[in-house]
Amino acid sequence: MEKMIRELYRNMLREQEGADRISRETEEEIRNLLRGEEKEMGQEEYDKCRDFACYIASAAEENGFVMGFKYAFRLFAECMQEE
């Protein structure tokens, strides 16, 4: 079931954002957080750091979606039992 939820997440992200890594909002936040670091690090090190941050954010977004989906489903099931 988790595999299906992850596939749903990837499909949803592709449809909404036209990408399959992270949301545009998260990518923008990473760029804002790293703003000014490029001068101190140099372009190559900055790109490596940015890419690594995007990779971590991608995993976190996907896992957050999966967990939220599962919690929502459990809450829905619980609400249906109460009626």
Protein backbone atom coordinates (compact mmCIF):
# COMPACT_ATOMS: atom_id res chain seq x y z
CA MET A 1 0.00 0.00 0.00
CA GLU A 2 2.84 2.39 0.81
CA LYS A 3 4.25 1.92 -2.69
CA MET A 4 0.90 3.00 -4.15
CA ILE A 5 0.82 6.12 -1.94
CA ARG A 6 4.35 7.05 -3.01
CA GLU A 7 3.41 6.62 -6.67
CA LEU A 8 0.33 8.78 -6.11
CA TYR A 9 2.58 11.46 -4.59
CA ARG A 10 5.00 11.40 -7.52
CA ASN A 11 2.18 11.59 -10.05
CA MET A 12 0.52 14.44 -8.17
CA LEU A 13 3.78 16.39 -8.00
CA ARG A 14 4.43 15.92 -11.73
CA GLU A 15 0.93 17.11 -12.62
CA GLN A 16 0.91 20.11 -10.30
CA GLU A 17 4.44 21.37 -10.65
CA GLY A 18 5.77 19.86 -13.85
CA ALA A 19 8.65 18.29 -11.92
CA ASP A 20 9.23 15.09 -10.03
CA ARG A 21 11.76 16.07 -7.33
CA ILE A 22 10.40 18.66 -4.92
CA SER A 23 7.74 21.32 -4.89
CA ARG A 24 8.64 24.72 -6.26
CA GLU A 25 7.97 26.26 -2.84
CA THR A 26 10.53 23.98 -1.19
CA GLU A 27 13.09 24.60 -3.90
CA GLU A 28 12.61 28.35 -3.49
CA GLU A 29 12.99 28.06 0.29
CA ILE A 30 16.26 26.14 -0.15
CA ARG A 31 17.57 28.86 -2.47
CA ASN A 32 16.56 31.53 0.06
CA LEU A 33 18.28 29.69 2.90
CA LEU A 34 21.47 29.30 0.86
CA ARG A 35 21.43 32.86 -0.48
CA GLY A 36 24.82 34.44 0.08
CA GLU A 37 26.58 31.11 0.62
CA GLU A 38 27.59 30.88 -3.03
CA LYS A 39 30.17 33.63 -2.60
CA GLU A 40 31.72 31.91 0.41
CA MET A 41 31.63 28.37 -0.99
CA GLY A 42 32.35 28.81 -4.66
CA GLN A 43 30.01 27.70 -7.43
CA GLU A 44 30.87 24.00 -7.46
CA GLU A 45 30.57 23.52 -3.70
CA TYR A 46 27.40 25.64 -3.62
CA ASP A 47 25.80 23.52 -6.37
CA LYS A 48 26.71 20.34 -4.50
CA CYS A 49 25.27 21.69 -1.24
CA ARG A 50 22.08 22.88 -2.98
CA ASP A 51 21.60 19.55 -4.74
CA PHE A 52 22.09 17.66 -1.47
CA ALA A 53 19.58 19.92 0.29
CA CYS A 54 17.08 19.30 -2.52
CA TYR A 55 17.62 15.55 -2.25
CA ILE A 56 16.95 15.64 1.50
CA ALA A 57 13.91 17.88 1.04
CA SER A 58 12.54 15.53 -1.62
CA ALA A 59 12.74 12.54 0.72
CA ALA A 60 11.19 14.55 3.56
CA GLU A 61 8.30 15.80 1.42
CA GLU A 62 7.52 12.33 0.14
CA ASN A 63 7.67 10.75 3.60
CA GLY A 64 5.51 13.54 5.01
CA PHE A 65 2.91 12.92 2.31
CA VAL A 66 2.87 9.18 2.99
CA MET A 67 2.52 9.67 6.75
CA GLY A 68 -0.18 12.32 6.31
CA PHE A 69 -2.09 10.11 3.90
CA LYS A 70 -2.00 7.20 6.34
CA TYR A 71 -3.09 9.37 9.28
CA ALA A 72 -5.92 10.89 7.24
CA PHE A 73 -7.10 7.44 6.19
CA ARG A 74 -7.06 6.21 9.80
CA LEU A 75 -8.99 9.29 10.92
CA PHE A 76 -11.51 8.75 8.13
CA ALA A 77 -11.93 5.09 9.09
CA GLU A 78 -12.39 6.04 12.75
CA CYS A 79 -14.98 8.67 11.86
CA MET A 80 -16.90 6.14 9.76
CA GLN A 81 -17.03 3.68 12.66
CA GLU A 82 -18.55 6.28 14.98
CA GLU A 83 -21.59 6.81 12.77
